[in-house]
Amino acid sequence: SEEELVGHSSLDFVHPEDVAELAAIFQTRLIE
C-alpha cells in the first residue's frame, strides 16, 4: 500500500543483491 511505501527507504524494496549497486548509482547521479 502507499502507507507501506511512503516514508521508507526505496532501497528496502530492492533485491539485497542489487542494493549496493543501486545505492552507488544514486550517489553518482546526484553529483552528475
PDB file of all heavy atoms in Angstrom:
ATOM      1  N   SER A   1       0.843  -1.186   0.000  1.00  0.00           N
ATOM      2  CA  SER A   1       0.000   0.000   0.000  1.00  0.00           C
ATOM      3  C   SER A   1       0.885   1.245   0.000  1.00  0.00           C
ATOM      4  O   SER A   1       2.081   1.170   0.321  1.00  0.00           O
ATOM      5  CB  SER A   1      -0.900   0.016   1.238  1.00  0.00           C
ATOM      6  OG  SER A   1      -0.123   0.235   2.404  1.00  0.00           O
ATOM      7  N   GLU A   2       0.291   2.367  -0.317  1.00  0.00           N
ATOM      8  CA  GLU A   2       1.016   3.641  -0.283  1.00  0.00           C
ATOM      9  C   GLU A   2       1.607   3.871   1.112  1.00  0.00           C
ATOM     10  O   GLU A   2       2.755   4.307   1.249  1.00  0.00           O
ATOM     11  CB  GLU A   2       0.071   4.786  -0.649  1.00  0.00           C
ATOM     12  CG  GLU A   2       0.706   6.151  -0.603  1.00  0.00           C
ATOM     13  CD  GLU A   2      -0.253   7.281  -0.955  1.00  0.00           C
ATOM     14  OE1 GLU A   2      -1.458   7.025  -1.121  1.00  0.00           O
ATOM     15  OE2 GLU A   2       0.219   8.417  -1.052  1.00  0.00           O
ATOM     16  N   GLU A   3       0.844   3.554   2.155  1.00  0.00           N
ATOM     17  CA  GLU A   3       1.308   3.742   3.529  1.00  0.00           C
ATOM     18  C   GLU A   3       2.528   2.874   3.845  1.00  0.00           C
ATOM     19  O   GLU A   3       3.374   3.255   4.641  1.00  0.00           O
ATOM     20  CB  GLU A   3       0.181   3.430   4.525  1.00  0.00           C
ATOM     21  CG  GLU A   3      -0.973   4.412   4.480  1.00  0.00           C
ATOM     22  CD  GLU A   3      -1.907   4.195   3.288  1.00  0.00           C
ATOM     23  OE1 GLU A   3      -1.971   3.060   2.744  1.00  0.00           O
ATOM     24  OE2 GLU A   3      -2.556   5.163   2.881  1.00  0.00           O
ATOM     25  N   GLU A   4       2.616   1.703   3.230  1.00  0.00           N
ATOM     26  CA  GLU A   4       3.753   0.811   3.467  1.00  0.00           C
ATOM     27  C   GLU A   4       5.007   1.276   2.719  1.00  0.00           C
ATOM     28  O   GLU A   4       6.110   0.866   3.066  1.00  0.00           O
ATOM     29  CB  GLU A   4       3.412  -0.620   3.045  1.00  0.00           C
ATOM     30  CG  GLU A   4       2.359  -1.286   3.912  1.00  0.00           C
ATOM     31  CD  GLU A   4       1.922  -2.614   3.353  1.00  0.00           C
ATOM     32  OE1 GLU A   4       1.391  -2.652   2.216  1.00  0.00           O
ATOM     33  OE2 GLU A   4       2.109  -3.629   4.059  1.00  0.00           O
ATOM     34  N   LEU A   5       4.825   2.105   1.696  1.00  0.00           N
ATOM     35  CA  LEU A   5       5.946   2.550   0.871  1.00  0.00           C
ATOM     36  C   LEU A   5       6.452   3.944   1.238  1.00  0.00           C
ATOM     37  O   LEU A   5       7.649   4.142   1.451  1.00  0.00           O
ATOM     38  CB  LEU A   5       5.549   2.524  -0.607  1.00  0.00           C
ATOM     39  CG  LEU A   5       5.249   1.141  -1.187  1.00  0.00           C
ATOM     40  CD1 LEU A   5       4.535   1.269  -2.525  1.00  0.00           C
ATOM     41  CD2 LEU A   5       6.523   0.338  -1.331  1.00  0.00           C
ATOM     42  N   VAL A   6       5.546   4.904   1.304  1.00  0.00           N
ATOM     43  CA  VAL A   6       5.935   6.302   1.532  1.00  0.00           C
ATOM     44  C   VAL A   6       6.551   6.461   2.919  1.00  0.00           C
ATOM     45  O   VAL A   6       6.028   5.966   3.914  1.00  0.00           O
ATOM     46  CB  VAL A   6       4.738   7.249   1.349  1.00  0.00           C
ATOM     47  CG1 VAL A   6       5.100   8.679   1.730  1.00  0.00           C
ATOM     48  CG2 VAL A   6       4.240   7.203  -0.099  1.00  0.00           C
ATOM     49  N   GLY A   7       7.699   7.147   2.946  1.00  0.00           N
ATOM     50  CA  GLY A   7       8.412   7.375   4.192  1.00  0.00           C
ATOM     51  C   GLY A   7       9.490   6.346   4.466  1.00  0.00           C
ATOM     52  O   GLY A   7      10.277   6.493   5.383  1.00  0.00           O
ATOM     53  N   HIS A   8       9.525   5.294   3.652  1.00  0.00           N
ATOM     54  CA  HIS A   8      10.534   4.246   3.817  1.00  0.00           C
ATOM     55  C   HIS A   8      11.607   4.397   2.741  1.00  0.00           C
ATOM     56  O   HIS A   8      11.374   4.974   1.681  1.00  0.00           O
ATOM     57  CB  HIS A   8       9.892   2.865   3.714  1.00  0.00           C
ATOM     58  CG  HIS A   8       8.913   2.601   4.815  1.00  0.00           C
ATOM     59  ND1 HIS A   8       9.292   2.131   6.049  1.00  0.00           N
ATOM     60  CD2 HIS A   8       7.577   2.788   4.872  1.00  0.00           C
ATOM     61  CE1 HIS A   8       8.230   2.017   6.816  1.00  0.00           C
ATOM     62  NE2 HIS A   8       7.169   2.420   6.128  1.00  0.00           N
ATOM     63  N   SER A   9      12.770   3.844   2.996  1.00  0.00           N
ATOM     64  CA  SER A   9      13.842   3.874   2.006  1.00  0.00           C
ATOM     65  C   SER A   9      13.445   3.025   0.805  1.00  0.00           C
ATOM     66  O   SER A   9      12.975   1.896   0.965  1.00  0.00           O
ATOM     67  CB  SER A   9      15.143   3.337   2.602  1.00  0.00           C
ATOM     68  OG  SER A   9      16.120   3.235   1.582  1.00  0.00           O
ATOM     69  N   SER A  10      13.640   3.570  -0.382  1.00  0.00           N
ATOM     70  CA  SER A  10      13.340   2.796  -1.593  1.00  0.00           C
ATOM     71  C   SER A  10      14.224   1.560  -1.673  1.00  0.00           C
ATOM     72  O   SER A  10      13.837   0.542  -2.245  1.00  0.00           O
ATOM     73  CB  SER A  10      13.518   3.663  -2.837  1.00  0.00           C
ATOM     74  OG  SER A  10      14.836   4.183  -2.888  1.00  0.00           O
ATOM     75  N   LEU A  11      15.394   1.633  -1.060  1.00  0.00           N
ATOM     76  CA  LEU A  11      16.321   0.500  -1.094  1.00  0.00           C
ATOM     77  C   LEU A  11      15.806  -0.679  -0.273  1.00  0.00           C
ATOM     78  O   LEU A  11      16.235  -1.816  -0.483  1.00  0.00           O
ATOM     79  CB  LEU A  11      17.703   0.934  -0.615  1.00  0.00           C
ATOM     80  CG  LEU A  11      18.364   2.015  -1.475  1.00  0.00           C
ATOM     81  CD1 LEU A  11      19.671   2.473  -0.838  1.00  0.00           C
ATOM     82  CD2 LEU A  11      18.577   1.545  -2.896  1.00  0.00           C
ATOM     83  N   ASP A  12      14.859  -0.441   0.652  1.00  0.00           N
ATOM     84  CA  ASP A  12      14.267  -1.527   1.429  1.00  0.00           C
ATOM     85  C   ASP A  12      13.487  -2.495   0.550  1.00  0.00           C
ATOM     86  O   ASP A  12      13.232  -3.627   0.961  1.00  0.00           O
ATOM     87  CB  ASP A  12      13.313  -0.981   2.502  1.00  0.00           C
ATOM     88  CG  ASP A  12      14.029  -0.227   3.602  1.00  0.00           C
ATOM     89  OD1 ASP A  12      15.274  -0.332   3.703  1.00  0.00           O
ATOM     90  OD2 ASP A  12      13.333   0.482   4.362  1.00  0.00           O
ATOM     91  N   PHE A  13      13.097  -2.064  -0.634  1.00  0.00           N
ATOM     92  CA  PHE A  13      12.269  -2.873  -1.517  1.00  0.00           C
ATOM     93  C   PHE A  13      13.063  -3.428  -2.703  1.00  0.00           C
ATOM     94  O   PHE A  13      12.506  -4.034  -3.607  1.00  0.00           O
ATOM     95  CB  PHE A  13      11.072  -2.055  -2.007  1.00  0.00           C
ATOM     96  CG  PHE A  13      10.258  -1.522  -0.854  1.00  0.00           C
ATOM     97  CD1 PHE A  13      10.460  -0.236  -0.367  1.00  0.00           C
ATOM     98  CD2 PHE A  13       9.326  -2.326  -0.221  1.00  0.00           C
ATOM     99  CE1 PHE A  13       9.736   0.245   0.716  1.00  0.00           C
ATOM    100  CE2 PHE A  13       8.585  -1.854   0.859  1.00  0.00           C
ATOM    101  CZ  PHE A  13       8.798  -0.561   1.328  1.00  0.00           C
ATOM    102  N   VAL A  14      14.365  -3.183  -2.692  1.00  0.00           N
ATOM    103  CA  VAL A  14      15.268  -3.657  -3.751  1.00  0.00           C
ATOM    104  C   VAL A  14      15.843  -5.000  -3.320  1.00  0.00           C
ATOM    105  O   VAL A  14      16.132  -5.224  -2.150  1.00  0.00           O
ATOM    106  CB  VAL A  14      16.390  -2.621  -4.004  1.00  0.00           C
ATOM    107  CG1 VAL A  14      17.428  -3.154  -4.985  1.00  0.00           C
ATOM    108  CG2 VAL A  14      15.784  -1.315  -4.516  1.00  0.00           C
ATOM    109  N   HIS A  15      16.019  -5.888  -4.290  1.00  0.00           N
ATOM    110  CA  HIS A  15      16.626  -7.197  -4.017  1.00  0.00           C
ATOM    111  C   HIS A  15      17.975  -6.969  -3.331  1.00  0.00           C
ATOM    112  O   HIS A  15      18.766  -6.127  -3.778  1.00  0.00           O
ATOM    113  CB  HIS A  15      16.808  -7.969  -5.322  1.00  0.00           C
ATOM    114  CG  HIS A  15      17.161  -9.397  -5.133  1.00  0.00           C
ATOM    115  ND1 HIS A  15      18.419  -9.811  -4.777  1.00  0.00           N
ATOM    116  CD2 HIS A  15      16.404 -10.518  -5.225  1.00  0.00           C
ATOM    117  CE1 HIS A  15      18.440 -11.113  -4.672  1.00  0.00           C
ATOM    118  NE2 HIS A  15      17.215 -11.572  -4.943  1.00  0.00           N
ATOM    119  N   PRO A  16      18.256  -7.713  -2.252  1.00  0.00           N
ATOM    120  CA  PRO A  16      19.502  -7.494  -1.493  1.00  0.00           C
ATOM    121  C   PRO A  16      20.772  -7.515  -2.341  1.00  0.00           C
ATOM    122  O   PRO A  16      21.712  -6.767  -2.061  1.00  0.00           O
ATOM    123  CB  PRO A  16      19.506  -8.641  -0.481  1.00  0.00           C
ATOM    124  CG  PRO A  16      18.075  -9.015  -0.320  1.00  0.00           C
ATOM    125  CD  PRO A  16      17.425  -8.751  -1.659  1.00  0.00           C
ATOM    126  N   GLU A  17      20.803  -8.329  -3.390  1.00  0.00           N
ATOM    127  CA  GLU A  17      21.997  -8.400  -4.236  1.00  0.00           C
ATOM    128  C   GLU A  17      22.176  -7.163  -5.110  1.00  0.00           C
ATOM    129  O   GLU A  17      23.253  -6.946  -5.661  1.00  0.00           O
ATOM    130  CB  GLU A  17      21.942  -9.653  -5.110  1.00  0.00           C
ATOM    131  CG  GLU A  17      22.029 -10.952  -4.321  1.00  0.00           C
ATOM    132  CD  GLU A  17      21.846 -12.183  -5.195  1.00  0.00           C
ATOM    133  OE1 GLU A  17      21.841 -12.057  -6.449  1.00  0.00           O
ATOM    134  OE2 GLU A  17      21.686 -13.278  -4.630  1.00  0.00           O
ATOM    135  N   ASP A  18      21.126  -6.338  -5.244  1.00  0.00           N
ATOM    136  CA  ASP A  18      21.190  -5.152  -6.106  1.00  0.00           C
ATOM    137  C   ASP A  18      21.309  -3.837  -5.336  1.00  0.00           C
ATOM    138  O   ASP A  18      21.510  -2.782  -5.921  1.00  0.00           O
ATOM    139  CB  ASP A  18      19.940  -5.084  -6.996  1.00  0.00           C
ATOM    140  CG  ASP A  18      19.834  -6.248  -7.960  1.00  0.00           C
ATOM    141  OD1 ASP A  18      20.824  -6.987  -8.130  1.00  0.00           O
ATOM    142  OD2 ASP A  18      18.749  -6.439  -8.545  1.00  0.00           O
ATOM    143  N   VAL A  19      21.192  -3.892  -4.009  1.00  0.00           N
ATOM    144  CA  VAL A  19      21.159  -2.673  -3.194  1.00  0.00           C
ATOM    145  C   VAL A  19      22.442  -1.853  -3.324  1.00  0.00           C
ATOM    146  O   VAL A  19      22.391  -0.645  -3.567  1.00  0.00           O
ATOM    147  CB  VAL A  19      20.869  -2.999  -1.712  1.00  0.00           C
ATOM    148  CG1 VAL A  19      21.093  -1.771  -0.833  1.00  0.00           C
ATOM    149  CG2 VAL A  19      19.450  -3.504  -1.555  1.00  0.00           C
ATOM    150  N   ALA A  20      23.610  -2.479  -3.164  1.00  0.00           N
ATOM    151  CA  ALA A  20      24.876  -1.728  -3.182  1.00  0.00           C
ATOM    152  C   ALA A  20      25.075  -1.022  -4.515  1.00  0.00           C
ATOM    153  O   ALA A  20      25.449   0.155  -4.555  1.00  0.00           O
ATOM    154  CB  ALA A  20      26.048  -2.655  -2.884  1.00  0.00           C
ATOM    155  N   GLU A  21      24.816  -1.733  -5.602  1.00  0.00           N
ATOM    156  CA  GLU A  21      24.993  -1.131  -6.929  1.00  0.00           C
ATOM    157  C   GLU A  21      24.016   0.022  -7.150  1.00  0.00           C
ATOM    158  O   GLU A  21      24.394   1.082  -7.647  1.00  0.00           O
ATOM    159  CB  GLU A  21      24.802  -2.193  -8.017  1.00  0.00           C
ATOM    160  CG  GLU A  21      25.006  -1.648  -9.414  1.00  0.00           C
ATOM    161  CD  GLU A  21      24.796  -2.711 -10.488  1.00  0.00           C
ATOM    162  OE1 GLU A  21      24.586  -3.890 -10.160  1.00  0.00           O
ATOM    163  OE2 GLU A  21      24.850  -2.333 -11.668  1.00  0.00           O
ATOM    164  N   LEU A  22      22.766  -0.165  -6.754  1.00  0.00           N
ATOM    165  CA  LEU A  22      21.770   0.885  -6.941  1.00  0.00           C
ATOM    166  C   LEU A  22      22.091   2.104  -6.070  1.00  0.00           C
ATOM    167  O   LEU A  22      21.979   3.242  -6.528  1.00  0.00           O
ATOM    168  CB  LEU A  22      20.371   0.354  -6.634  1.00  0.00           C
ATOM    169  CG  LEU A  22      19.212   1.232  -7.051  1.00  0.00           C
ATOM    170  CD1 LEU A  22      19.253   1.537  -8.544  1.00  0.00           C
ATOM    171  CD2 LEU A  22      17.901   0.579  -6.673  1.00  0.00           C
ATOM    172  N   ALA A  23      22.521   1.876  -4.836  1.00  0.00           N
ATOM    173  CA  ALA A  23      22.896   2.987  -3.953  1.00  0.00           C
ATOM    174  C   ALA A  23      24.063   3.765  -4.546  1.00  0.00           C
ATOM    175  O   ALA A  23      24.091   5.003  -4.490  1.00  0.00           O
ATOM    176  CB  ALA A  23      23.242   2.459  -2.561  1.00  0.00           C
ATOM    177  N   ALA A  24      25.017   3.067  -5.133  1.00  0.00           N
ATOM    178  CA  ALA A  24      26.167   3.736  -5.770  1.00  0.00           C
ATOM    179  C   ALA A  24      25.709   4.563  -6.968  1.00  0.00           C
ATOM    180  O   ALA A  24      26.194   5.684  -7.185  1.00  0.00           O
ATOM    181  CB  ALA A  24      27.203   2.699  -6.194  1.00  0.00           C
ATOM    182  N   ILE A  25      24.779   4.035  -7.740  1.00  0.00           N
ATOM    183  CA  ILE A  25      24.246   4.783  -8.890  1.00  0.00           C
ATOM    184  C   ILE A  25      23.568   6.055  -8.400  1.00  0.00           C
ATOM    185  O   ILE A  25      23.766   7.134  -8.967  1.00  0.00           O
ATOM    186  CB  ILE A  25      23.270   3.913  -9.709  1.00  0.00           C
ATOM    187  CG1 ILE A  25      24.035   2.815 -10.440  1.00  0.00           C
ATOM    188  CG2 ILE A  25      22.470   4.767 -10.692  1.00  0.00           C
ATOM    189  CD1 ILE A  25      23.149   1.771 -11.090  1.00  0.00           C
ATOM    190  N   PHE A  26      22.756   5.949  -7.344  1.00  0.00           N
ATOM    191  CA  PHE A  26      22.092   7.138  -6.795  1.00  0.00           C
ATOM    192  C   PHE A  26      23.115   8.203  -6.436  1.00  0.00           C
ATOM    193  O   PHE A  26      22.973   9.364  -6.801  1.00  0.00           O
ATOM    194  CB  PHE A  26      21.289   6.790  -5.546  1.00  0.00           C
ATOM    195  CG  PHE A  26      19.969   6.111  -5.808  1.00  0.00           C
ATOM    196  CD1 PHE A  26      19.214   5.640  -4.750  1.00  0.00           C
ATOM    197  CD2 PHE A  26      19.472   5.936  -7.079  1.00  0.00           C
ATOM    198  CE1 PHE A  26      17.997   5.016  -4.958  1.00  0.00           C
ATOM    199  CE2 PHE A  26      18.257   5.316  -7.310  1.00  0.00           C
ATOM    200  CZ  PHE A  26      17.524   4.856  -6.236  1.00  0.00           C
ATOM    201  N   GLN A  27      24.145   7.827  -5.708  1.00  0.00           N
ATOM    202  CA  GLN A  27      25.143   8.797  -5.262  1.00  0.00           C
ATOM    203  C   GLN A  27      25.883   9.429  -6.427  1.00  0.00           C
ATOM    204  O   GLN A  27      26.100  10.637  -6.464  1.00  0.00           O
ATOM    205  CB  GLN A  27      26.122   8.145  -4.284  1.00  0.00           C
ATOM    206  CG  GLN A  27      25.494   7.777  -2.967  1.00  0.00           C
ATOM    207  CD  GLN A  27      24.765   8.950  -2.319  1.00  0.00           C
ATOM    208  OE1 GLN A  27      25.297  10.048  -2.205  1.00  0.00           O
ATOM    209  NE2 GLN A  27      23.527   8.724  -1.906  1.00  0.00           N
ATOM    210  N   THR A  28      26.270   8.626  -7.402  1.00  0.00           N
ATOM    211  CA  THR A  28      26.971   9.144  -8.577  1.00  0.00           C
ATOM    212  C   THR A  28      26.092  10.103  -9.361  1.00  0.00           C
ATOM    213  O   THR A  28      26.526  11.190  -9.739  1.00  0.00           O
ATOM    214  CB  THR A  28      27.404   7.987  -9.496  1.00  0.00           C
ATOM    215  OG1 THR A  28      28.232   7.112  -8.752  1.00  0.00           O
ATOM    216  CG2 THR A  28      28.136   8.496 -10.722  1.00  0.00           C
ATOM    217  N   ARG A  29      24.860   9.720  -9.587  1.00  0.00           N
ATOM    218  CA  ARG A  29      23.956  10.546 -10.400  1.00  0.00           C
ATOM    219  C   ARG A  29      23.541  11.813  -9.687  1.00  0.00           C
ATOM    220  O   ARG A  29      23.260  12.817 -10.328  1.00  0.00           O
ATOM    221  CB  ARG A  29      22.725   9.741 -10.832  1.00  0.00           C
ATOM    222  CG  ARG A  29      23.052   8.619 -11.761  1.00  0.00           C
ATOM    223  CD  ARG A  29      23.699   9.155 -13.023  1.00  0.00           C
ATOM    224  NE  ARG A  29      24.096   8.046 -13.865  1.00  0.00           N
ATOM    225  CZ  ARG A  29      24.658   8.172 -15.032  1.00  0.00           C
ATOM    226  NH1 ARG A  29      24.905   9.370 -15.521  1.00  0.00           N
ATOM    227  NH2 ARG A  29      24.989   7.123 -15.736  1.00  0.00           N
ATOM    228  N   LEU A  30      23.486  11.797  -8.370  1.00  0.00           N
ATOM    229  CA  LEU A  30      23.162  13.019  -7.646  1.00  0.00           C
ATOM    230  C   LEU A  30      24.234  14.077  -7.869  1.00  0.00           C
ATOM    231  O   LEU A  30      23.959  15.264  -7.898  1.00  0.00           O
ATOM    232  CB  LEU A  30      23.014  12.743  -6.151  1.00  0.00           C
ATOM    233  CG  LEU A  30      21.718  12.064  -5.744  1.00  0.00           C
ATOM    234  CD1 LEU A  30      21.760  11.708  -4.265  1.00  0.00           C
ATOM    235  CD2 LEU A  30      20.526  12.954  -6.034  1.00  0.00           C
ATOM    236  N   ILE A  31      25.444  13.644  -8.047  1.00  0.00           N
ATOM    237  CA  ILE A  31      26.551  14.578  -8.287  1.00  0.00           C
ATOM    238  C   ILE A  31      26.562  15.008  -9.755  1.00  0.00           C
ATOM    239  O   ILE A  31      26.720  16.169 -10.076  1.00  0.00           O
ATOM    240  CB  ILE A  31      27.899  13.929  -7.902  1.00  0.00           C
ATOM    241  CG1 ILE A  31      27.924  13.678  -6.390  1.00  0.00           C
ATOM    242  CG2 ILE A  31      29.076  14.791  -8.333  1.00  0.00           C
ATOM    243  CD1 ILE A  31      29.037  12.770  -5.932  1.00  0.00           C
ATOM    244  N   GLU A  32      26.380  14.050 -10.674  1.00  0.00           N
ATOM    245  CA  GLU A  32      26.484  14.333 -12.113  1.00  0.00           C
ATOM    246  C   GLU A  32      25.266  15.028 -12.694  1.00  0.00           C
ATOM    247  O   GLU A  32      25.370  15.760 -13.654  1.00  0.00           O
ATOM    248  CB  GLU A  32      26.701  13.019 -12.881  1.00  0.00           C
ATOM    249  CG  GLU A  32      28.029  12.367 -12.592  1.00  0.00           C
ATOM    250  CD  GLU A  32      28.172  11.039 -13.307  1.00  0.00           C
ATOM    251  OE1 GLU A  32      27.292  10.677 -14.111  1.00  0.00           O
ATOM    252  OE2 GLU A  32      29.166  10.357 -13.053  1.00  0.00           O
TER     253      GLU A  32
END
